[in-house]
Amino acid sequence: MDKARLQERIGDYLKALTQLEKAAALPKDEFVRDSVIQRFEFTHELSWKMLKLKLEAEGLPVRTPRETVQEALQAGLIEDGNLWTDMQKKRNLTSHTYHEKLADDVYDFVVGRGLPLFRQLAEKCRTWLTNG
């Protein structure tokens, strides 16, 4: 596993999270809601791909986002597997956010429950950068 690749992915993840936090901090309107959902998609993709690289570095090969979350939970890289599973389900629904109610539900989930999970992961991955 290329350590530089993991470090690059961590950097990308942290940048994406910062952008998601900026969007979520704005007063909600339709444009902001849609921006938060788009930023959520980016951040989620980077989170599972970063976790995949970390697991592979530890000798645990995974292929799918679902496998990655399961193994990351068992390895102690993430907490609250049920909430991560909920987040994966919300991510899968984002292609259907042209339905106003669904878009509002995804936005509310991201702001209320998704951001804290992403922040928790950010703290862990910062330690990976400093501890190698």
C-alpha atoms as a PDB file:
ATOM      1  CA  MET A   1       0.000   0.000   0.000  1.00  0.00           C
ATOM      2  CA  ASP A   2       1.321   3.368  -0.951  1.00  0.00           C
ATOM      3  CA  LYS A   3       1.503   5.522   2.175  1.00  0.00           C
ATOM      4  CA  ALA A   4       1.573   8.674   0.045  1.00  0.00           C
ATOM      5  CA  ARG A   5      -1.691   7.625  -1.592  1.00  0.00           C
ATOM      6  CA  LEU A   6      -3.394   7.250   1.792  1.00  0.00           C
ATOM      7  CA  GLN A   7      -2.057  10.632   2.897  1.00  0.00           C
ATOM      8  CA  GLU A   8      -3.358  12.213  -0.299  1.00  0.00           C
ATOM      9  CA  ARG A   9      -6.779  10.608   0.186  1.00  0.00           C
ATOM     10  CA  ILE A  10      -6.891  11.847   3.801  1.00  0.00           C
ATOM     11  CA  GLY A  11      -6.110  15.353   2.585  1.00  0.00           C
ATOM     12  CA  ASP A  12      -8.866  15.144  -0.024  1.00  0.00           C
ATOM     13  CA  TYR A  13     -11.302  13.890   2.611  1.00  0.00           C
ATOM     14  CA  LEU A  14     -10.462  16.692   5.036  1.00  0.00           C
ATOM     15  CA  LYS A  15     -10.900  19.309   2.291  1.00  0.00           C
ATOM     16  CA  ALA A  16     -14.242  17.812   1.261  1.00  0.00           C
ATOM     17  CA  LEU A  17     -15.410  17.822   4.876  1.00  0.00           C
ATOM     18  CA  THR A  18     -14.426  21.466   5.244  1.00  0.00           C
ATOM     19  CA  GLN A  19     -16.479  22.348   2.163  1.00  0.00           C
ATOM     20  CA  LEU A  20     -19.442  20.354   3.474  1.00  0.00           C
ATOM     21  CA  GLU A  21     -19.218  22.166   6.811  1.00  0.00           C
ATOM     22  CA  LYS A  22     -19.146  25.536   5.040  1.00  0.00           C
ATOM     23  CA  ALA A  23     -22.255  24.685   3.029  1.00  0.00           C
ATOM     24  CA  ALA A  24     -24.084  23.297   6.088  1.00  0.00           C
ATOM     25  CA  ALA A  25     -23.338  26.481   8.049  1.00  0.00           C
ATOM     26  CA  LEU A  26     -25.283  28.641   5.579  1.00  0.00           C
ATOM     27  CA  PRO A  27     -28.953  29.478   6.133  1.00  0.00           C
ATOM     28  CA  LYS A  28     -31.021  26.760   4.518  1.00  0.00           C
ATOM     29  CA  ASP A  29     -32.752  27.408   1.248  1.00  0.00           C
ATOM     30  CA  GLU A  30     -33.213  25.179  -1.796  1.00  0.00           C
ATOM     31  CA  PHE A  31     -29.805  26.043  -3.256  1.00  0.00           C
ATOM     32  CA  VAL A  32     -27.968  25.452   0.037  1.00  0.00           C
ATOM     33  CA  ARG A  33     -29.867  22.206   0.604  1.00  0.00           C
ATOM     34  CA  ASP A  34     -28.814  20.928  -2.806  1.00  0.00           C
ATOM     35  CA  SER A  35     -25.232  22.093  -2.223  1.00  0.00           C
ATOM     36  CA  VAL A  36     -25.080  20.250   1.101  1.00  0.00           C
ATOM     37  CA  ILE A  37     -26.371  17.087  -0.558  1.00  0.00           C
ATOM     38  CA  GLN A  38     -23.752  17.341  -3.321  1.00  0.00           C
ATOM     39  CA  ARG A  39     -20.973  17.971  -0.785  1.00  0.00           C
ATOM     40  CA  PHE A  40     -22.267  15.025   1.251  1.00  0.00           C
ATOM     41  CA  GLU A  41     -21.908  12.784  -1.801  1.00  0.00           C
ATOM     42  CA  PHE A  42     -18.286  13.871  -2.312  1.00  0.00           C
ATOM     43  CA  THR A  43     -17.420  13.494   1.363  1.00  0.00           C
ATOM     44  CA  HIS A  44     -19.051  10.102   1.641  1.00  0.00           C
ATOM     45  CA  GLU A  45     -17.226   8.772  -1.424  1.00  0.00           C
ATOM     46  CA  LEU A  46     -13.903   9.973  -0.092  1.00  0.00           C
ATOM     47  CA  SER A  47     -14.600   8.612   3.389  1.00  0.00           C
ATOM     48  CA  TRP A  48     -15.155   5.033   2.316  1.00  0.00           C
ATOM     49  CA  LYS A  49     -12.313   5.095  -0.207  1.00  0.00           C
ATOM     50  CA  MET A  50      -9.970   6.458   2.461  1.00  0.00           C
ATOM     51  CA  LEU A  51     -11.106   3.758   4.892  1.00  0.00           C
ATOM     52  CA  LYS A  52     -10.563   1.157   2.171  1.00  0.00           C
ATOM     53  CA  LEU A  53      -6.947   2.263   1.748  1.00  0.00           C
ATOM     54  CA  LYS A  54      -6.367   2.244   5.508  1.00  0.00           C
ATOM     55  CA  LEU A  55      -7.826  -1.257   5.828  1.00  0.00           C
ATOM     56  CA  GLU A  56      -5.709  -2.501   2.937  1.00  0.00           C
ATOM     57  CA  ALA A  57      -2.642  -1.039   4.668  1.00  0.00           C
ATOM     58  CA  GLU A  58      -3.551  -3.190   7.648  1.00  0.00           C
ATOM     59  CA  GLY A  59      -3.897  -6.292   5.475  1.00  0.00           C
ATOM     60  CA  LEU A  60      -7.699  -6.295   5.278  1.00  0.00           C
ATOM     61  CA  PRO A  61      -8.801  -6.253   1.630  1.00  0.00           C
ATOM     62  CA  VAL A  62     -12.296  -4.887   0.955  1.00  0.00           C
ATOM     63  CA  ARG A  63     -14.147  -4.178  -2.269  1.00  0.00           C
ATOM     64  CA  THR A  64     -17.429  -2.394  -1.635  1.00  0.00           C
ATOM     65  CA  PRO A  65     -18.547   0.505   0.547  1.00  0.00           C
ATOM     66  CA  ARG A  66     -20.611  -1.916   2.648  1.00  0.00           C
ATOM     67  CA  GLU A  67     -17.666  -4.274   3.224  1.00  0.00           C
ATOM     68  CA  THR A  68     -15.482  -1.288   4.011  1.00  0.00           C
ATOM     69  CA  VAL A  69     -17.842   0.006   6.698  1.00  0.00           C
ATOM     70  CA  GLN A  70     -18.185  -3.461   8.237  1.00  0.00           C
ATOM     71  CA  GLU A  71     -14.425  -4.044   8.379  1.00  0.00           C
ATOM     72  CA  ALA A  72     -13.705  -0.477   9.530  1.00  0.00           C
ATOM     73  CA  LEU A  73     -16.121  -0.959  12.422  1.00  0.00           C
ATOM     74  CA  GLN A  74     -14.494  -4.249  13.411  1.00  0.00           C
ATOM     75  CA  ALA A  75     -11.026  -2.683  13.134  1.00  0.00           C
ATOM     76  CA  GLY A  76     -12.050   0.240  15.348  1.00  0.00           C
ATOM     77  CA  LEU A  77     -11.567   2.837  12.624  1.00  0.00           C
ATOM     78  CA  ILE A  78     -15.171   4.029  12.943  1.00  0.00           C
ATOM     79  CA  GLU A  79     -17.844   3.889  15.591  1.00  0.00           C
ATOM     80  CA  ASP A  80     -21.614   3.421  15.368  1.00  0.00           C
ATOM     81  CA  GLY A  81     -21.950   0.989  12.507  1.00  0.00           C
ATOM     82  CA  ASN A  82     -25.720   1.448  12.417  1.00  0.00           C
ATOM     83  CA  LEU A  83     -25.384   5.162  11.792  1.00  0.00           C
ATOM     84  CA  TRP A  84     -22.742   4.565   9.107  1.00  0.00           C
ATOM     85  CA  THR A  85     -25.156   2.102   7.473  1.00  0.00           C
ATOM     86  CA  ASP A  86     -27.895   4.748   7.633  1.00  0.00           C
ATOM     87  CA  MET A  87     -25.504   7.202   6.018  1.00  0.00           C
ATOM     88  CA  GLN A  88     -24.799   4.735   3.197  1.00  0.00           C
ATOM     89  CA  LYS A  89     -28.552   4.387   2.636  1.00  0.00           C
ATOM     90  CA  LYS A  90     -28.973   8.168   2.504  1.00  0.00           C
ATOM     91  CA  ARG A  91     -26.086   8.368   0.030  1.00  0.00           C
ATOM     92  CA  ASN A  92     -27.826   5.815  -2.173  1.00  0.00           C
ATOM     93  CA  LEU A  93     -30.962   7.977  -2.123  1.00  0.00           C
ATOM     94  CA  THR A  94     -29.225  11.166  -3.240  1.00  0.00           C
ATOM     95  CA  SER A  95     -29.792  10.402  -6.899  1.00  0.00           C
ATOM     96  CA  HIS A  96     -33.513  10.749  -6.144  1.00  0.00           C
ATOM     97  CA  THR A  97     -33.390  14.096  -4.373  1.00  0.00           C
ATOM     98  CA  TYR A  98     -35.530  15.733  -7.042  1.00  0.00           C
ATOM     99  CA  HIS A  99     -38.303  14.735  -4.640  1.00  0.00           C
ATOM    100  CA  GLU A 100     -38.487  17.710  -2.296  1.00  0.00           C
ATOM    101  CA  LYS A 101     -39.369  15.709   0.817  1.00  0.00           C
ATOM    102  CA  LEU A 102     -36.534  13.262   0.225  1.00  0.00           C
ATOM    103  CA  ALA A 103     -34.075  16.092  -0.391  1.00  0.00           C
ATOM    104  CA  ASP A 104     -35.123  17.709   2.894  1.00  0.00           C
ATOM    105  CA  ASP A 105     -34.767  14.384   4.726  1.00  0.00           C
ATOM    106  CA  VAL A 106     -31.252  13.825   3.351  1.00  0.00           C
ATOM    107  CA  TYR A 107     -30.263  17.403   4.212  1.00  0.00           C
ATOM    108  CA  ASP A 108     -31.560  17.035   7.770  1.00  0.00           C
ATOM    109  CA  PHE A 109     -29.711  13.735   8.188  1.00  0.00           C
ATOM    110  CA  VAL A 110     -26.448  15.166   6.887  1.00  0.00           C
ATOM    111  CA  VAL A 111     -26.567  18.266   9.059  1.00  0.00           C
ATOM    112  CA  GLY A 112     -27.820  16.530  12.187  1.00  0.00           C
ATOM    113  CA  ARG A 113     -26.171  13.115  12.105  1.00  0.00           C
ATOM    114  CA  GLY A 114     -23.784  12.808   9.166  1.00  0.00           C
ATOM    115  CA  LEU A 115     -21.503  15.728   9.964  1.00  0.00           C
ATOM    116  CA  PRO A 116     -20.692  14.468  13.478  1.00  0.00           C
ATOM    117  CA  LEU A 117     -19.723  11.071  12.019  1.00  0.00           C
ATOM    118  CA  PHE A 118     -17.537  12.664   9.382  1.00  0.00           C
ATOM    119  CA  ARG A 119     -15.899  14.872  12.028  1.00  0.00           C
ATOM    120  CA  GLN A 120     -15.237  11.860  14.237  1.00  0.00           C
ATOM    121  CA  LEU A 121     -13.559  10.106  11.315  1.00  0.00           C
ATOM    122  CA  ALA A 122     -11.549  13.249  10.554  1.00  0.00           C
ATOM    123  CA  GLU A 123     -10.090  13.202  14.063  1.00  0.00           C
ATOM    124  CA  LYS A 124      -9.045   9.577  13.638  1.00  0.00           C
ATOM    125  CA  CYS A 125      -7.501  10.068  10.223  1.00  0.00           C
ATOM    126  CA  ARG A 126      -5.490  13.051  11.475  1.00  0.00           C
ATOM    127  CA  THR A 127      -3.845  10.660  13.939  1.00  0.00           C
ATOM    128  CA  TRP A 128      -3.000   8.326  11.033  1.00  0.00           C
ATOM    129  CA  LEU A 129      -1.099  11.218   9.454  1.00  0.00           C
ATOM    130  CA  THR A 130       0.903  11.918  12.605  1.00  0.00           C
ATOM    131  CA  ASN A 131       1.390   8.308  13.737  1.00  0.00           C
ATOM    132  CA  GLY A 132       2.142   6.881  10.302  1.00  0.00           C
END
